[in-house]
Amino acid sequence: MHDTIEYYNVYPENKDCVYTTEHWVNHLSNGKQVTVLFVQQWRDGTFTVDLNETNKEKLLTEDHIVLNDWGGCTEQLISGWFYETQIKNKEQYNDAELQEIHKLMFCNNDNKDEYNCEDALDFNNFEQDIMETNGWFMEDTIYEIFNGFELENMNE
């Protein structure tokens, strides 16, 4: 039996239910790798997936989907805003390492006179330009839809 692949648009059923999580990676002075998760919430979005009938039926049983797990492509994200920043496996780092992570995230040559190490355990922000200057790179982005979604067959 031949299982035909169909092309679908995927839409969230509700507004404000699309999230992206960027994985930013760097290494501390002791060689330990650290990953910072930068999460954005989006008003709306459109994605595409190619599915056979079996995978379509499996997908339709889900309420929360990670588009990456289904080979999804992002077509459009609308009106995003900062949701949160977290250090992946934060409990694995001691206070000195957390302070170094904070400095790598928020301090560079242009602002080192203004950098406030008193806030060194507050990670609730994101400074992409500073992070890139300090050697961070984006390793991956995860795309998720929560609270249901709709499929639109684009082959019909």
Protein backbone atom coordinates (compact mmCIF):
# COMPACT_ATOMS: atom_id res chain seq x y z
CA MET A 1 0.00 0.00 0.00
CA HIS A 2 1.33 3.43 -0.94
CA ASP A 3 0.98 6.10 1.75
CA THR A 4 0.70 9.47 -0.01
CA ILE A 5 2.40 12.49 1.50
CA GLU A 6 0.18 15.56 1.74
CA TYR A 7 1.24 19.17 2.34
CA TYR A 8 -0.50 21.01 5.23
CA ASN A 9 -0.58 24.47 6.72
CA VAL A 10 -0.67 24.39 10.52
CA TYR A 11 -2.34 27.21 12.49
CA PRO A 12 -2.87 27.62 16.25
CA GLU A 13 -6.53 27.40 17.26
CA ASN A 14 -6.09 30.28 19.71
CA LYS A 15 -4.14 33.52 19.78
CA ASP A 16 -0.97 33.86 21.90
CA CYS A 17 -0.27 30.10 21.85
CA VAL A 18 2.86 29.99 19.66
CA TYR A 19 6.25 29.92 21.39
CA THR A 20 9.81 29.88 20.12
CA THR A 21 12.74 28.82 22.28
CA GLU A 22 16.17 29.83 21.05
CA HIS A 23 19.08 27.80 22.46
CA TRP A 24 22.15 30.06 22.93
CA VAL A 25 25.44 28.27 23.75
CA ASN A 26 28.78 29.41 25.18
CA HIS A 27 31.61 28.03 27.31
CA LEU A 28 32.69 29.27 30.72
CA SER A 29 36.33 29.94 31.61
CA ASN A 30 36.47 26.48 33.24
CA GLY A 31 35.40 24.86 29.93
CA LYS A 32 31.87 24.02 31.09
CA GLN A 33 29.24 24.49 28.36
CA VAL A 34 26.20 26.61 29.16
CA THR A 35 22.93 26.97 27.26
CA VAL A 36 20.58 29.91 27.71
CA LEU A 37 16.97 29.48 26.58
CA PHE A 38 15.37 32.64 25.21
CA VAL A 39 11.61 32.17 24.93
CA GLN A 40 9.28 34.38 22.92
CA GLN A 41 5.50 34.20 22.74
CA TRP A 42 3.76 35.05 19.46
CA ARG A 43 0.29 36.38 18.71
CA ASP A 44 -0.09 34.04 15.73
CA GLY A 45 1.86 31.95 13.27
CA THR A 46 1.70 29.73 10.21
CA PHE A 47 3.74 26.57 9.71
CA THR A 48 3.85 23.83 7.09
CA VAL A 49 4.31 20.07 7.43
CA ASP A 50 4.34 17.13 5.03
CA LEU A 51 2.37 14.20 6.46
CA ASN A 52 1.18 10.80 5.40
CA GLU A 53 -2.24 9.68 6.64
CA THR A 54 -0.79 7.73 9.59
CA ASN A 55 1.25 10.69 10.87
CA LYS A 56 -1.64 13.06 10.28
CA GLU A 57 -3.86 10.92 12.51
CA LYS A 58 -1.15 10.79 15.20
CA LEU A 59 -0.65 14.56 15.03
CA LEU A 60 -4.37 15.23 15.35
CA THR A 61 -4.41 13.48 18.75
CA GLU A 62 -2.05 16.13 20.18
CA ASP A 63 -3.01 19.37 21.93
CA HIS A 64 0.59 20.67 22.22
CA ILE A 65 2.98 20.13 19.32
CA VAL A 66 6.67 20.77 18.76
CA LEU A 67 6.79 21.57 15.06
CA ASN A 68 10.45 20.51 14.87
CA ASP A 69 9.40 16.94 15.76
CA TRP A 70 7.16 16.81 12.68
CA GLY A 71 9.60 18.38 10.20
CA GLY A 72 7.65 21.65 10.32
CA CYS A 73 8.74 24.80 8.51
CA THR A 74 7.95 28.28 9.76
CA GLU A 75 6.08 30.34 7.20
CA GLN A 76 5.12 33.31 9.37
CA LEU A 77 5.29 34.51 12.99
CA ILE A 78 3.20 37.53 13.97
CA SER A 79 3.75 40.01 16.83
CA GLY A 80 6.23 38.36 19.16
CA TRP A 81 7.32 39.52 22.61
CA PHE A 82 9.75 38.49 25.31
CA TYR A 83 8.41 35.72 27.52
CA GLU A 84 11.36 34.54 29.60
CA THR A 85 15.06 33.70 29.68
CA GLN A 86 16.32 30.62 31.54
CA ILE A 87 19.61 28.88 32.01
CA LYS A 88 19.21 25.26 30.98
CA ASN A 89 20.01 23.00 33.96
CA LYS A 90 20.70 26.06 36.11
CA GLU A 91 21.08 23.89 39.22
CA GLN A 92 24.32 22.45 37.74
CA TYR A 93 26.13 25.78 38.16
CA ASN A 94 27.59 27.25 41.34
CA ASP A 95 27.25 30.95 42.27
CA ALA A 96 30.58 31.93 40.67
CA GLU A 97 29.61 30.21 37.42
CA LEU A 98 26.19 31.89 37.46
CA GLN A 99 27.89 35.27 37.88
CA GLU A 100 30.19 34.49 34.94
CA ILE A 101 27.17 33.46 32.83
CA HIS A 102 25.43 36.72 33.73
CA LYS A 103 28.49 38.75 32.79
CA LEU A 104 28.76 36.91 29.46
CA MET A 105 25.10 37.73 28.81
CA PHE A 106 25.04 41.40 29.81
CA CYS A 107 28.55 42.94 29.95
CA ASN A 108 30.87 43.94 27.11
CA ASN A 109 33.56 46.59 26.50
CA ASP A 110 30.94 49.23 25.66
CA ASN A 111 29.03 48.92 28.94
CA LYS A 112 31.50 47.48 31.47
CA ASP A 113 31.51 50.76 33.47
CA GLU A 114 27.71 50.55 33.77
CA TYR A 115 27.46 46.79 34.33
CA ASN A 116 25.84 46.05 37.68
CA CYS A 117 27.08 42.77 39.13
CA GLU A 118 24.56 43.20 41.98
CA ASP A 119 21.95 41.93 39.53
CA ALA A 120 24.14 38.94 38.64
CA LEU A 121 21.45 36.40 39.46
CA ASP A 122 18.70 38.21 37.52
CA PHE A 123 18.55 36.58 34.08
CA ASN A 124 15.13 37.94 33.12
CA ASN A 125 16.31 39.82 30.08
CA PHE A 126 18.07 39.20 26.79
CA GLU A 127 20.82 41.23 25.10
CA GLN A 128 21.51 39.48 21.79
CA ASP A 129 24.16 41.96 20.59
CA ILE A 130 26.16 41.65 23.81
CA MET A 131 25.82 37.87 23.81
CA GLU A 132 27.08 37.59 20.23
CA THR A 133 30.00 39.90 21.06
CA ASN A 134 30.84 37.61 24.00
CA GLY A 135 30.94 34.45 21.90
CA TRP A 136 27.40 33.09 22.29
CA PHE A 137 25.90 31.38 19.25
CA MET A 138 22.36 30.22 18.56
CA GLU A 139 22.43 26.43 18.29
CA ASP A 140 18.75 25.73 17.69
CA THR A 141 15.23 27.16 17.75
CA ILE A 142 12.25 25.09 18.89
CA TYR A 143 8.77 26.03 17.60
CA GLU A 144 5.71 25.02 19.63
CA ILE A 145 1.95 25.45 19.53
CA PHE A 146 -0.05 25.03 22.73
CA ASN A 147 -3.81 24.64 23.24
CA GLY A 148 -4.70 23.08 19.91
CA PHE A 149 -4.09 23.69 16.23
CA GLU A 150 -5.77 23.34 12.85
CA LEU A 151 -4.52 21.59 9.73
CA GLU A 152 -5.34 22.86 6.26
CA ASN A 153 -4.62 20.47 3.39
CA MET A 154 -2.85 22.48 0.69
CA ASN A 155 -3.16 19.71 -1.92
CA GLU A 156 -6.94 20.12 -2.25
